Amino acid sequence: MDRFQAMRVFAKVAETGSFAQAAKALRSSPPAVTRAVAALEDLIGTRLFVRTTRTVTLTEAGTRYLDDCRRILAEVQEAEAAAAGSFATPTGTLTVSAPALFGRIYVLPIVMDYLDRHPGVTARAFLVDRVTNLLEEGIDVAVRIGPLPVSNLMATRVGTVRRVVCGSPDYFRRHGTPRVPADLSAHRIVGATSTWSLSEWHLGQGQKTSVRITPRLLCSTNDAAIEAAVQGWGLTRVMSYQVAPLIAEGKLIAVLTDDEEEPLPIHVVHPEGRKVTAKVRAFVELAAQRLRNNPLVNRP
């Protein structure tokens, strides 16, 4: 019995929940799949699946064994890839995740440049406003904003962003410019319901200042709140990267900059391993260079 092949068969049955579906995916026959799993169970000395006429589910031992199988098969695949040279030349499919707006403005251009440089790679850009699970969701590289929890991910710091209070030049001409946080109570506030607390803004570093706010306009997205600020209706508070191009163009002006909170770090992260594939290594190097050198990311 080819033990590695039997482990691949077992993992595919666990993934699909069906011997027939596993056989189809592996381009094999259901009897061959059944024999491979049975031989593996005989070798191990325990049942890996509970089979009924309708379902196939893992036993407790099968669940534990599946984790080990995935790790061992990944290491075998890594060794085969190294022998084939994929650790020298970027090939395959690269999946990158990032926050939606940051990803669209800053990460997607890097992905497109990366593809131009490496014709042997295809890419998937997964832009969502949540923390993705790299291993469970099949993601190779992620861009994350904010402090990182302790994990086994490799992290490369590439910049920082801030929360900024901003408004249009026309708004400040008509309503004046807030000089201290307490002045915000006299201004029209645009809030985004997708962001942090709408009743208080925390400003300053170390000994923070809390300012109670009452938005007169609530928007369901940051984009809408930013547009209202550009149109001169009121002030809003968003991440610096979200308005950096508008500030650079003079359409918005950041105020109370001396009262900003501590900057939030930006990291490029990827799963830790004995070796990093060329496709991941090349992307991390390019992303780090481009983001670190982008003044709109680090200090608009």
C-alpha atoms as a PDB file:
ATOM      1  CA  MET A   1       0.000   0.000   0.000  1.00  0.00           C
ATOM      2  CA  ASP A   2       1.212   3.495  -0.901  1.00  0.00           C
ATOM      3  CA  ARG A   3       0.748   5.114   2.488  1.00  0.00           C
ATOM      4  CA  PHE A   4       0.999   8.695   1.200  1.00  0.00           C
ATOM      5  CA  GLN A   5      -1.612   7.980  -1.477  1.00  0.00           C
ATOM      6  CA  ALA A   6      -3.865   6.352   1.135  1.00  0.00           C
ATOM      7  CA  MET A   7      -3.499   9.468   3.298  1.00  0.00           C
ATOM      8  CA  ARG A   8      -4.447  11.654   0.317  1.00  0.00           C
ATOM      9  CA  VAL A   9      -7.513   9.487  -0.267  1.00  0.00           C
ATOM     10  CA  PHE A  10      -8.478   9.638   3.417  1.00  0.00           C
ATOM     11  CA  ALA A  11      -8.097  13.443   3.465  1.00  0.00           C
ATOM     12  CA  LYS A  12     -10.228  13.817   0.341  1.00  0.00           C
ATOM     13  CA  VAL A  13     -13.006  11.614   1.793  1.00  0.00           C
ATOM     14  CA  ALA A  14     -12.929  13.734   4.962  1.00  0.00           C
ATOM     15  CA  GLU A  15     -13.062  16.924   2.877  1.00  0.00           C
ATOM     16  CA  THR A  16     -15.971  15.824   0.676  1.00  0.00           C
ATOM     17  CA  GLY A  17     -17.842  13.706   3.244  1.00  0.00           C
ATOM     18  CA  SER A  18     -18.391  11.080   0.586  1.00  0.00           C
ATOM     19  CA  PHE A  19     -16.474   8.110  -0.817  1.00  0.00           C
ATOM     20  CA  ALA A  20     -18.109   8.637  -4.223  1.00  0.00           C
ATOM     21  CA  GLN A  21     -17.267  12.344  -4.350  1.00  0.00           C
ATOM     22  CA  ALA A  22     -13.719  11.644  -3.235  1.00  0.00           C
ATOM     23  CA  ALA A  23     -13.357   9.043  -5.978  1.00  0.00           C
ATOM     24  CA  LYS A  24     -14.637  11.537  -8.555  1.00  0.00           C
ATOM     25  CA  ALA A  25     -12.244  14.253  -7.348  1.00  0.00           C
ATOM     26  CA  LEU A  26      -9.316  11.820  -7.395  1.00  0.00           C
ATOM     27  CA  ARG A  27     -10.350  10.312 -10.761  1.00  0.00           C
ATOM     28  CA  SER A  28     -10.542   6.910  -9.141  1.00  0.00           C
ATOM     29  CA  SER A  29     -13.305   4.387  -8.491  1.00  0.00           C
ATOM     30  CA  PRO A  30     -15.409   4.218  -5.288  1.00  0.00           C
ATOM     31  CA  PRO A  31     -14.239   0.623  -4.586  1.00  0.00           C
ATOM     32  CA  ALA A  32     -10.583   1.732  -4.873  1.00  0.00           C
ATOM     33  CA  VAL A  33     -11.207   4.611  -2.457  1.00  0.00           C
ATOM     34  CA  THR A  34     -12.980   2.296  -0.040  1.00  0.00           C
ATOM     35  CA  ARG A  35     -10.112  -0.214  -0.174  1.00  0.00           C
ATOM     36  CA  ALA A  36      -7.503   2.519   0.445  1.00  0.00           C
ATOM     37  CA  VAL A  37      -9.306   3.817   3.538  1.00  0.00           C
ATOM     38  CA  ALA A  38      -9.906   0.284   4.843  1.00  0.00           C
ATOM     39  CA  ALA A  39      -6.211  -0.566   4.388  1.00  0.00           C
ATOM     40  CA  LEU A  40      -5.242   2.610   6.238  1.00  0.00           C
ATOM     41  CA  GLU A  41      -7.616   1.748   9.105  1.00  0.00           C
ATOM     42  CA  ASP A  42      -6.140  -1.764   9.299  1.00  0.00           C
ATOM     43  CA  LEU A  43      -2.625  -0.331   9.384  1.00  0.00           C
ATOM     44  CA  ILE A  44      -3.454   2.175  12.122  1.00  0.00           C
ATOM     45  CA  GLY A  45      -5.649  -0.217  14.046  1.00  0.00           C
ATOM     46  CA  THR A  46      -8.683   2.039  14.480  1.00  0.00           C
ATOM     47  CA  ARG A  47     -11.711   3.263  12.552  1.00  0.00           C
ATOM     48  CA  LEU A  48     -11.362   6.664  10.935  1.00  0.00           C
ATOM     49  CA  PHE A  49     -14.952   7.086   9.702  1.00  0.00           C
ATOM     50  CA  VAL A  50     -18.447   6.260  10.894  1.00  0.00           C
ATOM     51  CA  ARG A  51     -20.328   5.123   7.799  1.00  0.00           C
ATOM     52  CA  THR A  52     -24.099   5.036   7.339  1.00  0.00           C
ATOM     53  CA  THR A  53     -26.183   4.693   4.203  1.00  0.00           C
ATOM     54  CA  ARG A  54     -26.392   8.500   3.984  1.00  0.00           C
ATOM     55  CA  THR A  55     -23.400  10.018   5.748  1.00  0.00           C
ATOM     56  CA  VAL A  56     -19.693   9.590   6.290  1.00  0.00           C
ATOM     57  CA  THR A  57     -18.335  11.322   9.395  1.00  0.00           C
ATOM     58  CA  LEU A  58     -14.973  11.285  11.112  1.00  0.00           C
ATOM     59  CA  THR A  59     -14.469   9.437  14.358  1.00  0.00           C
ATOM     60  CA  GLU A  60     -12.598  11.200  17.165  1.00  0.00           C
ATOM     61  CA  ALA A  61      -9.445   9.340  16.142  1.00  0.00           C
ATOM     62  CA  GLY A  62     -10.093  10.239  12.503  1.00  0.00           C
ATOM     63  CA  THR A  63     -10.338  13.950  13.377  1.00  0.00           C
ATOM     64  CA  ARG A  64      -6.964  13.849  15.123  1.00  0.00           C
ATOM     65  CA  TYR A  65      -5.418  11.835  12.307  1.00  0.00           C
ATOM     66  CA  LEU A  66      -6.745  14.265   9.683  1.00  0.00           C
ATOM     67  CA  ASP A  67      -4.790  17.147  11.235  1.00  0.00           C
ATOM     68  CA  ASP A  68      -1.596  15.084  11.136  1.00  0.00           C
ATOM     69  CA  CYS A  69      -2.304  13.951   7.571  1.00  0.00           C
ATOM     70  CA  ARG A  70      -2.738  17.512   6.337  1.00  0.00           C
ATOM     71  CA  ARG A  71       0.512  18.575   7.981  1.00  0.00           C
ATOM     72  CA  ILE A  72       2.460  15.594   6.593  1.00  0.00           C
ATOM     73  CA  LEU A  73       0.995  15.943   3.106  1.00  0.00           C
ATOM     74  CA  ALA A  74       1.766  19.673   3.096  1.00  0.00           C
ATOM     75  CA  GLU A  75       5.389  18.907   3.993  1.00  0.00           C
ATOM     76  CA  VAL A  76       5.587  16.291   1.240  1.00  0.00           C
ATOM     77  CA  GLN A  77       4.120  18.774  -1.245  1.00  0.00           C
ATOM     78  CA  GLU A  78       6.621  21.373  -0.063  1.00  0.00           C
ATOM     79  CA  ALA A  79       9.500  18.959  -0.581  1.00  0.00           C
ATOM     80  CA  GLU A  80       8.230  18.019  -4.051  1.00  0.00           C
ATOM     81  CA  ALA A  81       7.818  21.679  -4.964  1.00  0.00           C
ATOM     82  CA  ALA A  82      11.348  22.411  -3.805  1.00  0.00           C
ATOM     83  CA  ALA A  83      12.699  19.594  -5.954  1.00  0.00           C
ATOM     84  CA  ALA A  84      10.684  20.886  -8.930  1.00  0.00           C
ATOM     85  CA  GLY A  85      12.076  24.383  -8.478  1.00  0.00           C
ATOM     86  CA  SER A  86       8.965  26.323  -7.377  1.00  0.00           C
ATOM     87  CA  PHE A  87      10.966  27.698  -4.463  1.00  0.00           C
ATOM     88  CA  ALA A  88      13.205  29.392  -7.006  1.00  0.00           C
ATOM     89  CA  THR A  89      10.643  30.672  -9.532  1.00  0.00           C
ATOM     90  CA  PRO A  90       7.199  32.080  -8.601  1.00  0.00           C
ATOM     91  CA  THR A  91       4.502  29.785  -9.988  1.00  0.00           C
ATOM     92  CA  GLY A  92       0.951  28.745  -9.145  1.00  0.00           C
ATOM     93  CA  THR A  93      -1.927  30.719  -7.652  1.00  0.00           C
ATOM     94  CA  LEU A  94      -1.322  33.419  -5.029  1.00  0.00           C
ATOM     95  CA  THR A  95      -4.233  34.377  -2.763  1.00  0.00           C
ATOM     96  CA  VAL A  96      -3.926  37.745  -1.017  1.00  0.00           C
ATOM     97  CA  SER A  97      -6.357  39.237   1.504  1.00  0.00           C
ATOM     98  CA  ALA A  98      -6.587  42.827   2.739  1.00  0.00           C
ATOM     99  CA  PRO A  99      -9.154  45.256   4.187  1.00  0.00           C
ATOM    100  CA  ALA A 100     -11.589  46.220   1.417  1.00  0.00           C
ATOM    101  CA  LEU A 101     -10.777  49.904   0.849  1.00  0.00           C
ATOM    102  CA  PHE A 102      -7.077  49.645   1.702  1.00  0.00           C
ATOM    103  CA  GLY A 103      -6.857  46.642  -0.580  1.00  0.00           C
ATOM    104  CA  ARG A 104      -8.561  48.388  -3.485  1.00  0.00           C
ATOM    105  CA  ILE A 105      -6.451  51.560  -3.242  1.00  0.00           C
ATOM    106  CA  TYR A 106      -3.032  50.223  -2.216  1.00  0.00           C
ATOM    107  CA  VAL A 107      -2.789  46.416  -2.444  1.00  0.00           C
ATOM    108  CA  LEU A 108      -4.508  45.718  -5.774  1.00  0.00           C
ATOM    109  CA  PRO A 109      -1.997  47.840  -7.761  1.00  0.00           C
ATOM    110  CA  ILE A 110       0.814  45.841  -6.122  1.00  0.00           C
ATOM    111  CA  VAL A 111      -0.893  42.565  -7.079  1.00  0.00           C
ATOM    112  CA  MET A 112      -1.207  43.704 -10.702  1.00  0.00           C
ATOM    113  CA  ASP A 113       2.438  44.802 -10.810  1.00  0.00           C
ATOM    114  CA  TYR A 114       3.428  41.468  -9.260  1.00  0.00           C
ATOM    115  CA  LEU A 115       1.546  39.551 -11.983  1.00  0.00           C
ATOM    116  CA  ASP A 116       3.254  41.599 -14.689  1.00  0.00           C
ATOM    117  CA  ARG A 117       6.619  40.629 -13.208  1.00  0.00           C
ATOM    118  CA  HIS A 118       5.787  36.944 -12.768  1.00  0.00           C
ATOM    119  CA  PRO A 119       3.836  35.508 -15.740  1.00  0.00           C
ATOM    120  CA  GLY A 120       3.802  32.031 -14.175  1.00  0.00           C
ATOM    121  CA  VAL A 121       1.499  33.155 -11.355  1.00  0.00           C
ATOM    122  CA  THR A 122      -2.242  33.817 -11.198  1.00  0.00           C
ATOM    123  CA  ALA A 123      -3.725  35.738  -8.266  1.00  0.00           C
ATOM    124  CA  ARG A 124      -6.886  36.005  -6.179  1.00  0.00           C
ATOM    125  CA  ALA A 125      -7.494  39.301  -4.334  1.00  0.00           C
ATOM    126  CA  PHE A 126      -9.758  38.675  -1.329  1.00  0.00           C
ATOM    127  CA  LEU A 127     -10.723  42.157  -0.055  1.00  0.00           C
ATOM    128  CA  VAL A 128     -12.919  41.986   3.054  1.00  0.00           C
ATOM    129  CA  ASP A 129     -13.299  44.003   6.250  1.00  0.00           C
ATOM    130  CA  ARG A 130     -12.673  41.143   8.672  1.00  0.00           C
ATOM    131  CA  VAL A 131      -9.715  39.170   9.965  1.00  0.00           C
ATOM    132  CA  THR A 132      -9.255  36.189   7.672  1.00  0.00           C
ATOM    133  CA  ASN A 133      -8.013  32.761   8.761  1.00  0.00           C
ATOM    134  CA  LEU A 134      -5.127  32.110   6.406  1.00  0.00           C
ATOM    135  CA  LEU A 135      -4.927  28.345   6.880  1.00  0.00           C
ATOM    136  CA  GLU A 136      -8.646  27.597   6.866  1.00  0.00           C
ATOM    137  CA  GLU A 137      -9.422  29.925   3.946  1.00  0.00           C
ATOM    138  CA  GLY A 138      -6.446  28.975   1.791  1.00  0.00           C
ATOM    139  CA  ILE A 139      -4.856  32.442   1.874  1.00  0.00           C
ATOM    140  CA  ASP A 140      -1.144  32.794   1.161  1.00  0.00           C
ATOM    141  CA  VAL A 141      -0.561  36.388   2.283  1.00  0.00           C
ATOM    142  CA  ALA A 142      -2.622  38.944   4.213  1.00  0.00           C
ATOM    143  CA  VAL A 143      -2.256  42.660   4.869  1.00  0.00           C
ATOM    144  CA  ARG A 144      -3.439  43.517   8.381  1.00  0.00           C
ATOM    145  CA  ILE A 145      -3.949  46.836  10.135  1.00  0.00           C
ATOM    146  CA  GLY A 146      -3.660  47.069  13.920  1.00  0.00           C
ATOM    147  CA  PRO A 147      -1.777  45.218  16.669  1.00  0.00           C
ATOM    148  CA  LEU A 148      -1.191  41.544  15.869  1.00  0.00           C
ATOM    149  CA  PRO A 149      -2.138  38.803  18.348  1.00  0.00           C
ATOM    150  CA  VAL A 150       0.413  36.170  19.252  1.00  0.00           C
ATOM    151  CA  SER A 151       0.398  33.551  16.480  1.00  0.00           C
ATOM    152  CA  ASN A 152       2.667  31.379  14.353  1.00  0.00           C
ATOM    153  CA  LEU A 153       2.376  33.776  11.392  1.00  0.00           C
ATOM    154  CA  MET A 154       5.426  35.495   9.992  1.00  0.00           C
ATOM    155  CA  ALA A 155       4.911  39.281   9.993  1.00  0.00           C
ATOM    156  CA  THR A 156       6.695  42.061   8.117  1.00  0.00           C
ATOM    157  CA  ARG A 157       5.913  45.590   9.284  1.00  0.00           C
ATOM    158  CA  VAL A 158       5.397  47.901   6.300  1.00  0.00           C
ATOM    159  CA  GLY A 159       3.914  51.111   7.684  1.00  0.00           C
ATOM    160  CA  THR A 160       1.400  52.798   9.954  1.00  0.00           C
ATOM    161  CA  VAL A 161      -1.978  54.510   9.649  1.00  0.00           C
ATOM    162  CA  ARG A 162      -3.850  56.906  11.915  1.00  0.00           C
ATOM    163  CA  ARG A 163      -7.384  57.913  12.713  1.00  0.00           C
ATOM    164  CA  VAL A 164      -7.867  61.447  11.453  1.00  0.00           C
ATOM    165  CA  VAL A 165     -10.550  64.109  11.821  1.00  0.00           C
ATOM    166  CA  CYS A 166     -11.071  65.883   8.526  1.00  0.00           C
ATOM    167  CA  GLY A 167     -13.321  68.218   6.601  1.00  0.00           C
ATOM    168  CA  SER A 168     -13.333  70.201   3.362  1.00  0.00           C
ATOM    169  CA  PRO A 169     -11.738  73.636   2.915  1.00  0.00           C
ATOM    170  CA  ASP A 170     -15.197  75.046   2.169  1.00  0.00           C
ATOM    171  CA  TYR A 171     -16.565  73.672   5.450  1.00  0.00           C
ATOM    172  CA  PHE A 172     -13.769  75.286   7.446  1.00  0.00           C
ATOM    173  CA  ARG A 173     -14.297  78.616   5.678  1.00  0.00           C
ATOM    174  CA  ARG A 174     -17.954  78.576   6.654  1.00  0.00           C
ATOM    175  CA  HIS A 175     -17.776  77.026  10.138  1.00  0.00           C
ATOM    176  CA  GLY A 176     -14.241  77.644  11.384  1.00  0.00           C
ATOM    177  CA  THR A 177     -11.518  75.145  12.311  1.00  0.00           C
ATOM    178  CA  PRO A 178     -11.516  73.216  15.607  1.00  0.00           C
ATOM    179  CA  ARG A 179      -8.308  73.954  17.539  1.00  0.00           C
ATOM    180  CA  VAL A 180      -8.812  71.618  20.527  1.00  0.00           C
ATOM    181  CA  PRO A 181     -10.931  68.466  20.923  1.00  0.00           C
ATOM    182  CA  ALA A 182     -13.600  70.324  22.949  1.00  0.00           C
ATOM    183  CA  ASP A 183     -14.330  72.505  19.886  1.00  0.00           C
ATOM    184  CA  LEU A 184     -15.871  69.500  18.123  1.00  0.00           C
ATOM    185  CA  SER A 185     -19.107  69.965  20.066  1.00  0.00           C
ATOM    186  CA  ALA A 186     -19.796  73.079  17.965  1.00  0.00           C
ATOM    187  CA  HIS A 187     -19.365  71.273  14.610  1.00  0.00           C
ATOM    188  CA  ARG A 188     -21.539  69.108  12.408  1.00  0.00           C
ATOM    189  CA  ILE A 189     -20.358  65.492  12.589  1.00  0.00           C
ATOM    190  CA  VAL A 190     -20.748  62.787   9.959  1.00  0.00           C
ATOM    191  CA  GLY A 191     -20.542  59.292  11.426  1.00  0.00           C
ATOM    192  CA  ALA A 192     -20.128  55.895   9.770  1.00  0.00           C
ATOM    193  CA  THR A 193     -22.059  53.089  11.427  1.00  0.00           C
ATOM    194  CA  SER A 194     -19.405  50.578  10.269  1.00  0.00           C
ATOM    195  CA  THR A 195     -16.732  52.152  12.480  1.00  0.00           C
ATOM    196  CA  TRP A 196     -16.034  52.435  16.208  1.00  0.00           C
ATOM    197  CA  SER A 197     -18.226  54.069  18.862  1.00  0.00           C
ATOM    198  CA  LEU A 198     -20.488  56.766  17.456  1.00  0.00           C
ATOM    199  CA  SER A 199     -21.026  58.485  20.812  1.00  0.00           C
ATOM    200  CA  GLU A 200     -17.385  59.168  21.744  1.00  0.00           C
ATOM    201  CA  TRP A 201     -14.128  59.932  20.020  1.00  0.00           C
ATOM    202  CA  HIS A 202     -10.964  59.125  21.965  1.00  0.00           C
ATOM    203  CA  LEU A 203      -8.127  61.475  21.104  1.00  0.00           C
ATOM    204  CA  GLY A 204      -4.537  61.952  22.218  1.00  0.00           C
ATOM    205  CA  GLN A 205      -1.775  59.605  23.321  1.00  0.00           C
ATOM    206  CA  GLY A 206      -1.022  58.425  26.841  1.00  0.00           C
ATOM    207  CA  GLN A 207      -3.622  60.383  28.783  1.00  0.00           C
ATOM    208  CA  LYS A 208      -6.454  60.305  26.289  1.00  0.00           C
ATOM    209  CA  THR A 209      -9.248  62.825  25.873  1.00  0.00           C
ATOM    210  CA  SER A 210     -12.775  61.529  25.348  1.00  0.00           C
ATOM    211  CA  VAL A 211     -15.105  63.773  23.397  1.00  0.00           C
ATOM    212  CA  ARG A 212     -18.823  63.060  23.275  1.00  0.00           C
ATOM    213  CA  ILE A 213     -20.208  63.524  19.787  1.00  0.00           C
ATOM    214  CA  THR A 214     -23.707  63.469  18.337  1.00  0.00           C
ATOM    215  CA  PRO A 215     -23.576  62.837  14.589  1.00  0.00           C
ATOM    216  CA  ARG A 216     -26.348  64.571  12.674  1.00  0.00           C
ATOM    217  CA  LEU A 217     -25.641  62.388   9.667  1.00  0.00           C
ATOM    218  CA  LEU A 218     -25.010  58.655   9.938  1.00  0.00           C
ATOM    219  CA  CYS A 219     -23.783  56.732   6.901  1.00  0.00           C
ATOM    220  CA  SER A 220     -23.642  52.970   6.496  1.00  0.00           C
ATOM    221  CA  THR A 221     -20.185  53.059   4.908  1.00  0.00           C
ATOM    222  CA  ASN A 222     -16.966  55.003   5.315  1.00  0.00           C
ATOM    223  CA  ASP A 223     -17.084  55.927   1.628  1.00  0.00           C
ATOM    224  CA  ALA A 224     -20.397  57.719   2.123  1.00  0.00           C
ATOM    225  CA  ALA A 225     -19.201  59.553   5.244  1.00  0.00           C
ATOM    226  CA  ILE A 226     -16.067  60.662   3.382  1.00  0.00           C
ATOM    227  CA  GLU A 227     -18.131  61.881   0.436  1.00  0.00           C
ATOM    228  CA  ALA A 228     -20.318  63.951   2.777  1.00  0.00           C
ATOM    229  CA  ALA A 229     -17.175  65.534   4.211  1.00  0.00           C
ATOM    230  CA  VAL A 230     -15.812  66.255   0.711  1.00  0.00           C
ATOM    231  CA  GLN A 231     -19.105  67.945  -0.150  1.00  0.00           C
ATOM    232  CA  GLY A 232     -18.597  70.258   2.816  1.00  0.00           C
ATOM    233  CA  TRP A 233     -21.483  69.098   4.971  1.00  0.00           C
ATOM    234  CA  GLY A 234     -19.493  68.293   8.130  1.00  0.00           C
ATOM    235  CA  LEU A 235     -16.483  66.654   9.770  1.00  0.00           C
ATOM    236  CA  THR A 236     -15.795  62.931   9.859  1.00  0.00           C
ATOM    237  CA  ARG A 237     -13.190  60.684  11.440  1.00  0.00           C
ATOM    238  CA  VAL A 238     -11.709  57.814   9.449  1.00  0.00           C
ATOM    239  CA  MET A 239      -8.451  55.961   8.863  1.00  0.00           C
ATOM    240  CA  SER A 240      -5.761  58.114   7.261  1.00  0.00           C
ATOM    241  CA  TYR A 241      -5.316  55.749   4.307  1.00  0.00           C
ATOM    242  CA  GLN A 242      -9.001  56.141   3.424  1.00  0.00           C
ATOM    243  CA  VAL A 243      -8.634  59.882   2.819  1.00  0.00           C
ATOM    244  CA  ALA A 244      -4.914  60.195   2.000  1.00  0.00           C
ATOM    245  CA  PRO A 245      -5.489  60.800  -1.759  1.00  0.00           C
ATOM    246  CA  LEU A 246      -8.179  63.399  -0.984  1.00  0.00           C
ATOM    247  CA  ILE A 247      -5.904  65.177   1.485  1.00  0.00           C
ATOM    248  CA  ALA A 248      -3.083  65.130  -1.071  1.00  0.00           C
ATOM    249  CA  GLU A 249      -5.447  66.671  -3.649  1.00  0.00           C
ATOM    250  CA  GLY A 250      -6.588  69.375  -1.195  1.00  0.00           C
ATOM    251  CA  LYS A 251     -10.198  68.172  -1.162  1.00  0.00           C
ATOM    252  CA  LEU A 252      -9.985  67.417   2.573  1.00  0.00           C
ATOM    253  CA  ILE A 253      -7.904  68.847   5.398  1.00  0.00           C
ATOM    254  CA  ALA A 254      -6.919  66.910   8.529  1.00  0.00           C
ATOM    255  CA  VAL A 255      -7.386  68.845  11.790  1.00  0.00           C
ATOM    256  CA  LEU A 256      -6.474  68.231  15.445  1.00  0.00           C
ATOM    257  CA  THR A 257      -3.339  66.450  14.230  1.00  0.00           C
ATOM    258  CA  ASP A 258      -1.581  67.131  17.551  1.00  0.00           C
ATOM    259  CA  ASP A 259      -4.353  65.210  19.306  1.00  0.00           C
ATOM    260  CA  GLU A 260      -4.253  62.032  17.219  1.00  0.00           C
ATOM    261  CA  GLU A 261      -4.059  58.612  18.843  1.00  0.00           C
ATOM    262  CA  GLU A 262      -1.067  56.331  18.512  1.00  0.00           C
ATOM    263  CA  PRO A 263      -0.617  55.155  14.897  1.00  0.00           C
ATOM    264  CA  LEU A 264      -1.769  51.636  14.047  1.00  0.00           C
ATOM    265  CA  PRO A 265       0.810  49.298  12.470  1.00  0.00           C
ATOM    266  CA  ILE A 266       0.397  47.697   9.051  1.00  0.00           C
ATOM    267  CA  HIS A 267       1.857  44.217   8.580  1.00  0.00           C
ATOM    268  CA  VAL A 268       2.135  41.759   5.725  1.00  0.00           C
ATOM    269  CA  VAL A 269       1.666  38.283   7.223  1.00  0.00           C
ATOM    270  CA  HIS A 270       1.925  34.724   5.941  1.00  0.00           C
ATOM    271  CA  PRO A 271       1.987  31.259   7.523  1.00  0.00           C
ATOM    272  CA  GLU A 272       5.296  30.234   9.022  1.00  0.00           C
ATOM    273  CA  GLY A 273       6.997  27.231   7.467  1.00  0.00           C
ATOM    274  CA  ARG A 274      10.335  25.574   6.956  1.00  0.00           C
ATOM    275  CA  LYS A 275      10.503  27.206   3.543  1.00  0.00           C
ATOM    276  CA  VAL A 276       8.563  30.025   1.934  1.00  0.00           C
ATOM    277  CA  THR A 277       7.591  29.469  -1.684  1.00  0.00           C
ATOM    278  CA  ALA A 278       8.964  31.834  -4.284  1.00  0.00           C
ATOM    279  CA  LYS A 279       5.497  33.184  -5.100  1.00  0.00           C
ATOM    280  CA  VAL A 280       4.965  34.263  -1.458  1.00  0.00           C
ATOM    281  CA  ARG A 281       8.493  35.516  -0.900  1.00  0.00           C
ATOM    282  CA  ALA A 282       8.422  37.627  -4.074  1.00  0.00           C
ATOM    283  CA  PHE A 283       5.072  39.178  -3.199  1.00  0.00           C
ATOM    284  CA  VAL A 284       6.054  39.985   0.386  1.00  0.00           C
ATOM    285  CA  GLU A 285       9.260  41.646  -0.800  1.00  0.00           C
ATOM    286  CA  LEU A 286       7.432  43.722  -3.417  1.00  0.00           C
ATOM    287  CA  ALA A 287       4.575  44.693  -1.084  1.00  0.00           C
ATOM    288  CA  ALA A 288       6.971  45.702   1.693  1.00  0.00           C
ATOM    289  CA  GLN A 289       9.000  47.878  -0.666  1.00  0.00           C
ATOM    290  CA  ARG A 290       5.960  49.554  -2.241  1.00  0.00           C
ATOM    291  CA  LEU A 291       4.050  50.189   0.988  1.00  0.00           C
ATOM    292  CA  ARG A 292       7.067  51.434   2.937  1.00  0.00           C
ATOM    293  CA  ASN A 293       7.867  53.906   0.157  1.00  0.00           C
ATOM    294  CA  ASN A 294       4.280  55.128  -0.217  1.00  0.00           C
ATOM    295  CA  PRO A 295       3.874  58.444   1.670  1.00  0.00           C
ATOM    296  CA  LEU A 296       0.094  58.201   1.394  1.00  0.00           C
ATOM    297  CA  VAL A 297       0.191  55.056   3.536  1.00  0.00           C
ATOM    298  CA  ASN A 298       2.704  56.113   6.158  1.00  0.00           C
ATOM    299  CA  ARG A 299       2.152  59.848   6.513  1.00  0.00           C
ATOM    300  CA  PRO A 300      -0.281  61.666   4.231  1.00  0.00           C
END
